[in-house]
N, C-alpha and C. Protein backbone atom coordinates (compact mmCIF):
# COMPACT_ATOMS: atom_id res chain seq x y z
N MET A 1 0.85 -1.17 0.00
CA MET A 1 0.00 0.00 0.00
C MET A 1 0.90 1.24 0.00
N GLU A 2 0.57 2.17 -0.85
CA GLU A 2 1.39 3.37 -1.00
C GLU A 2 1.09 4.39 0.10
N ALA A 3 2.14 4.89 0.72
CA ALA A 3 2.01 5.96 1.71
C ALA A 3 2.31 7.28 1.02
N VAL A 4 1.50 8.29 1.32
CA VAL A 4 1.71 9.63 0.77
C VAL A 4 1.65 10.63 1.90
N GLU A 5 2.34 11.72 1.71
CA GLU A 5 2.37 12.77 2.72
C GLU A 5 1.59 13.98 2.21
N PHE A 6 0.68 14.46 3.02
CA PHE A 6 -0.10 15.63 2.69
C PHE A 6 0.21 16.73 3.70
N ILE A 7 0.09 17.97 3.26
CA ILE A 7 0.26 19.10 4.15
C ILE A 7 -1.11 19.73 4.32
N ASP A 8 -1.60 19.78 5.58
CA ASP A 8 -2.94 20.32 5.81
C ASP A 8 -2.91 21.85 5.79
N GLU A 9 -4.09 22.45 5.97
CA GLU A 9 -4.21 23.90 5.88
C GLU A 9 -3.40 24.65 6.93
N ASP A 10 -2.99 23.97 8.00
CA ASP A 10 -2.16 24.57 9.04
C ASP A 10 -0.67 24.39 8.76
N GLY A 11 -0.34 23.70 7.66
CA GLY A 11 1.05 23.44 7.32
C GLY A 11 1.63 22.20 7.97
N THR A 12 0.78 21.42 8.65
CA THR A 12 1.21 20.20 9.32
C THR A 12 1.26 19.05 8.31
N LYS A 13 2.37 18.31 8.31
CA LYS A 13 2.48 17.15 7.44
C LYS A 13 1.77 15.97 8.07
N ARG A 14 0.96 15.28 7.25
CA ARG A 14 0.23 14.09 7.70
C ARG A 14 0.45 12.99 6.69
N GLU A 15 0.70 11.79 7.18
CA GLU A 15 0.89 10.65 6.30
C GLU A 15 -0.40 9.84 6.21
N PHE A 16 -0.76 9.50 4.98
CA PHE A 16 -1.93 8.68 4.73
C PHE A 16 -1.54 7.54 3.80
N TYR A 17 -2.37 6.52 3.80
CA TYR A 17 -2.17 5.35 2.95
C TYR A 17 -3.31 5.27 1.95
N ILE A 18 -2.97 5.20 0.68
CA ILE A 18 -3.99 5.16 -0.36
C ILE A 18 -4.57 3.75 -0.44
N GLU A 19 -5.83 3.64 -0.13
CA GLU A 19 -6.55 2.36 -0.20
C GLU A 19 -7.08 2.12 -1.61
N CYS A 20 -7.57 3.19 -2.23
CA CYS A 20 -8.23 3.05 -3.52
C CYS A 20 -8.36 4.43 -4.16
N ASP A 21 -8.42 4.47 -5.48
CA ASP A 21 -8.66 5.74 -6.16
C ASP A 21 -9.65 5.52 -7.30
N THR A 22 -10.32 6.59 -7.69
CA THR A 22 -11.29 6.51 -8.78
C THR A 22 -11.45 7.89 -9.41
N ARG A 23 -12.03 7.90 -10.60
CA ARG A 23 -12.39 9.16 -11.26
C ARG A 23 -13.89 9.17 -11.46
N VAL A 24 -14.52 10.28 -11.09
CA VAL A 24 -15.96 10.45 -11.26
C VAL A 24 -16.17 11.85 -11.85
N HIS A 25 -16.86 11.91 -12.97
CA HIS A 25 -17.14 13.18 -13.64
C HIS A 25 -15.86 13.99 -13.85
N GLY A 26 -14.78 13.32 -14.23
CA GLY A 26 -13.54 14.00 -14.54
C GLY A 26 -12.69 14.41 -13.35
N LYS A 27 -13.13 14.09 -12.14
CA LYS A 27 -12.38 14.43 -10.93
C LYS A 27 -11.79 13.15 -10.33
N THR A 28 -10.58 13.27 -9.78
CA THR A 28 -9.93 12.14 -9.13
C THR A 28 -10.21 12.18 -7.63
N TYR A 29 -10.54 11.02 -7.09
CA TYR A 29 -10.82 10.88 -5.66
C TYR A 29 -9.93 9.78 -5.09
N LEU A 30 -9.47 9.98 -3.87
CA LEU A 30 -8.68 8.98 -3.16
C LEU A 30 -9.40 8.59 -1.88
N LEU A 31 -9.42 7.30 -1.59
CA LEU A 31 -9.83 6.82 -0.28
C LEU A 31 -8.54 6.56 0.47
N VAL A 32 -8.30 7.30 1.54
CA VAL A 32 -7.06 7.16 2.30
C VAL A 32 -7.36 6.82 3.75
N THR A 33 -6.39 6.17 4.39
CA THR A 33 -6.51 5.85 5.81
C THR A 33 -5.26 6.33 6.54
N SER A 34 -5.39 6.47 7.84
CA SER A 34 -4.28 6.97 8.65
C SER A 34 -3.31 5.86 9.07
N ALA A 35 -3.65 4.61 8.80
CA ALA A 35 -2.78 3.47 9.14
C ALA A 35 -2.83 2.46 7.99
N PRO A 36 -1.76 1.71 7.78
CA PRO A 36 -1.73 0.78 6.63
C PRO A 36 -2.69 -0.40 6.76
N GLU A 37 -3.07 -0.76 7.97
CA GLU A 37 -4.03 -1.87 8.14
C GLU A 37 -4.73 -1.74 9.48
N GLY A 38 -5.81 -2.48 9.62
CA GLY A 38 -6.58 -2.44 10.86
C GLY A 38 -7.48 -1.22 10.91
N ALA A 39 -8.06 -0.99 12.07
CA ALA A 39 -8.94 0.16 12.26
C ALA A 39 -8.14 1.45 12.15
N ALA A 40 -8.63 2.36 11.32
CA ALA A 40 -7.91 3.61 11.09
C ALA A 40 -8.89 4.68 10.65
N GLU A 41 -8.49 5.92 10.78
CA GLU A 41 -9.27 7.04 10.28
C GLU A 41 -9.30 6.96 8.76
N ALA A 42 -10.48 7.13 8.16
CA ALA A 42 -10.61 7.09 6.70
C ALA A 42 -11.14 8.44 6.21
N LEU A 43 -10.60 8.87 5.08
CA LEU A 43 -11.04 10.11 4.45
C LEU A 43 -11.18 9.88 2.95
N ILE A 44 -12.09 10.62 2.33
CA ILE A 44 -12.15 10.66 0.88
C ILE A 44 -11.66 12.04 0.48
N LEU A 45 -10.63 12.05 -0.36
CA LEU A 45 -10.02 13.30 -0.81
C LEU A 45 -10.32 13.53 -2.28
N LYS A 46 -10.53 14.79 -2.64
CA LYS A 46 -10.85 15.18 -4.01
C LYS A 46 -9.74 16.08 -4.55
N ASP A 47 -9.31 15.80 -5.78
CA ASP A 47 -8.31 16.63 -6.44
C ASP A 47 -9.01 17.84 -7.05
N ILE A 48 -8.66 19.03 -6.54
CA ILE A 48 -9.30 20.25 -7.04
C ILE A 48 -8.36 21.07 -7.93
N SER A 49 -7.20 20.50 -8.29
CA SER A 49 -6.27 21.23 -9.15
C SER A 49 -6.84 21.32 -10.57
N ASP A 50 -6.37 22.32 -11.30
CA ASP A 50 -6.82 22.44 -12.68
C ASP A 50 -5.90 21.63 -13.60
N ASP A 51 -6.27 21.53 -14.84
CA ASP A 51 -5.54 20.68 -15.79
C ASP A 51 -4.12 21.16 -16.07
N THR A 52 -3.84 22.42 -15.78
CA THR A 52 -2.50 22.95 -16.05
C THR A 52 -1.55 22.78 -14.87
N SER A 53 -2.05 22.35 -13.72
CA SER A 53 -1.21 22.18 -12.53
C SER A 53 -0.32 20.96 -12.66
N GLU A 54 0.91 21.10 -12.20
CA GLU A 54 1.83 19.97 -12.21
C GLU A 54 1.63 19.07 -11.00
N GLU A 55 1.08 19.63 -9.93
CA GLU A 55 0.84 18.86 -8.71
C GLU A 55 -0.66 18.81 -8.41
N ALA A 56 -1.07 17.71 -7.84
CA ALA A 56 -2.46 17.57 -7.42
C ALA A 56 -2.68 18.38 -6.14
N ASN A 57 -3.90 18.86 -5.97
CA ASN A 57 -4.28 19.59 -4.77
C ASN A 57 -5.51 18.89 -4.20
N TYR A 58 -5.29 18.06 -3.18
CA TYR A 58 -6.38 17.26 -2.61
C TYR A 58 -6.95 17.93 -1.37
N VAL A 59 -8.28 17.89 -1.29
CA VAL A 59 -8.99 18.40 -0.11
C VAL A 59 -10.01 17.34 0.32
N PRO A 60 -10.34 17.28 1.61
CA PRO A 60 -11.36 16.33 2.05
C PRO A 60 -12.73 16.67 1.44
N VAL A 61 -13.47 15.66 1.06
CA VAL A 61 -14.83 15.86 0.57
C VAL A 61 -15.70 16.16 1.79
N GLU A 62 -16.40 17.29 1.76
CA GLU A 62 -17.22 17.70 2.90
C GLU A 62 -18.71 17.69 2.61
N ASP A 63 -19.09 17.75 1.32
CA ASP A 63 -20.50 17.73 0.96
C ASP A 63 -21.09 16.36 1.25
N ASP A 64 -22.14 16.31 2.07
CA ASP A 64 -22.72 15.04 2.51
C ASP A 64 -23.21 14.18 1.35
N GLU A 65 -23.87 14.78 0.37
CA GLU A 65 -24.39 14.00 -0.76
C GLU A 65 -23.25 13.44 -1.61
N GLU A 66 -22.24 14.25 -1.87
CA GLU A 66 -21.08 13.79 -2.63
C GLU A 66 -20.37 12.67 -1.87
N LEU A 67 -20.24 12.85 -0.55
CA LEU A 67 -19.57 11.86 0.29
C LEU A 67 -20.31 10.52 0.28
N LYS A 68 -21.63 10.56 0.39
CA LYS A 68 -22.43 9.33 0.37
C LYS A 68 -22.29 8.59 -0.96
N ALA A 69 -22.33 9.35 -2.05
CA ALA A 69 -22.22 8.73 -3.38
C ALA A 69 -20.83 8.10 -3.56
N LEU A 70 -19.80 8.80 -3.15
CA LEU A 70 -18.44 8.27 -3.28
C LEU A 70 -18.21 7.08 -2.38
N LEU A 71 -18.80 7.11 -1.20
CA LEU A 71 -18.67 5.98 -0.27
C LEU A 71 -19.22 4.71 -0.91
N LYS A 72 -20.35 4.83 -1.61
CA LYS A 72 -20.92 3.67 -2.30
C LYS A 72 -19.98 3.16 -3.39
N VAL A 73 -19.38 4.08 -4.13
CA VAL A 73 -18.45 3.69 -5.19
C VAL A 73 -17.27 2.93 -4.61
N PHE A 74 -16.66 3.48 -3.56
CA PHE A 74 -15.50 2.83 -2.96
C PHE A 74 -15.87 1.50 -2.29
N GLU A 75 -17.04 1.41 -1.68
CA GLU A 75 -17.47 0.15 -1.07
C GLU A 75 -17.62 -0.93 -2.14
N GLU A 76 -18.16 -0.57 -3.31
CA GLU A 76 -18.28 -1.54 -4.40
C GLU A 76 -16.92 -1.97 -4.91
N MET A 77 -15.98 -1.04 -4.96
CA MET A 77 -14.64 -1.37 -5.45
C MET A 77 -13.88 -2.25 -4.47
N MET A 78 -14.18 -2.09 -3.19
CA MET A 78 -13.47 -2.84 -2.13
C MET A 78 -14.48 -3.68 -1.37
N ASP A 79 -15.08 -4.64 -2.05
CA ASP A 79 -16.22 -5.37 -1.50
C ASP A 79 -15.94 -6.13 -0.21
N ASP A 80 -14.69 -6.33 0.16
CA ASP A 80 -14.41 -7.07 1.39
C ASP A 80 -14.06 -6.15 2.56
N THR A 81 -14.31 -4.85 2.41
CA THR A 81 -13.92 -3.88 3.42
C THR A 81 -15.11 -3.05 3.85
N ASP A 82 -15.29 -2.89 5.16
CA ASP A 82 -16.31 -1.99 5.68
C ASP A 82 -15.69 -0.61 5.86
N ILE A 83 -16.34 0.39 5.30
CA ILE A 83 -15.80 1.74 5.36
C ILE A 83 -16.76 2.60 6.17
N GLU A 84 -16.22 3.27 7.17
CA GLU A 84 -16.98 4.24 7.96
C GLU A 84 -16.17 5.52 7.98
N LEU A 85 -16.83 6.63 7.64
CA LEU A 85 -16.14 7.91 7.63
C LEU A 85 -16.57 8.74 8.83
């Protein structure tokens, strides 16, 4: 499982593990966890960078409807995993 480091809005570095990724309506989403296995904090991140950016800019998905829809997508992709956000 790939570990990636993100810098939050406060400038704090946080390490997450990419569980799964997908594209929906042209946007890339990552399902990440705070630990490589076992019970861990899970987040769905959305890439909000534009097409000309060299680096991705991921932010947590906060819209409840978007989050519910993405949760279903990721649950189908990872059928042996229970996901709670």
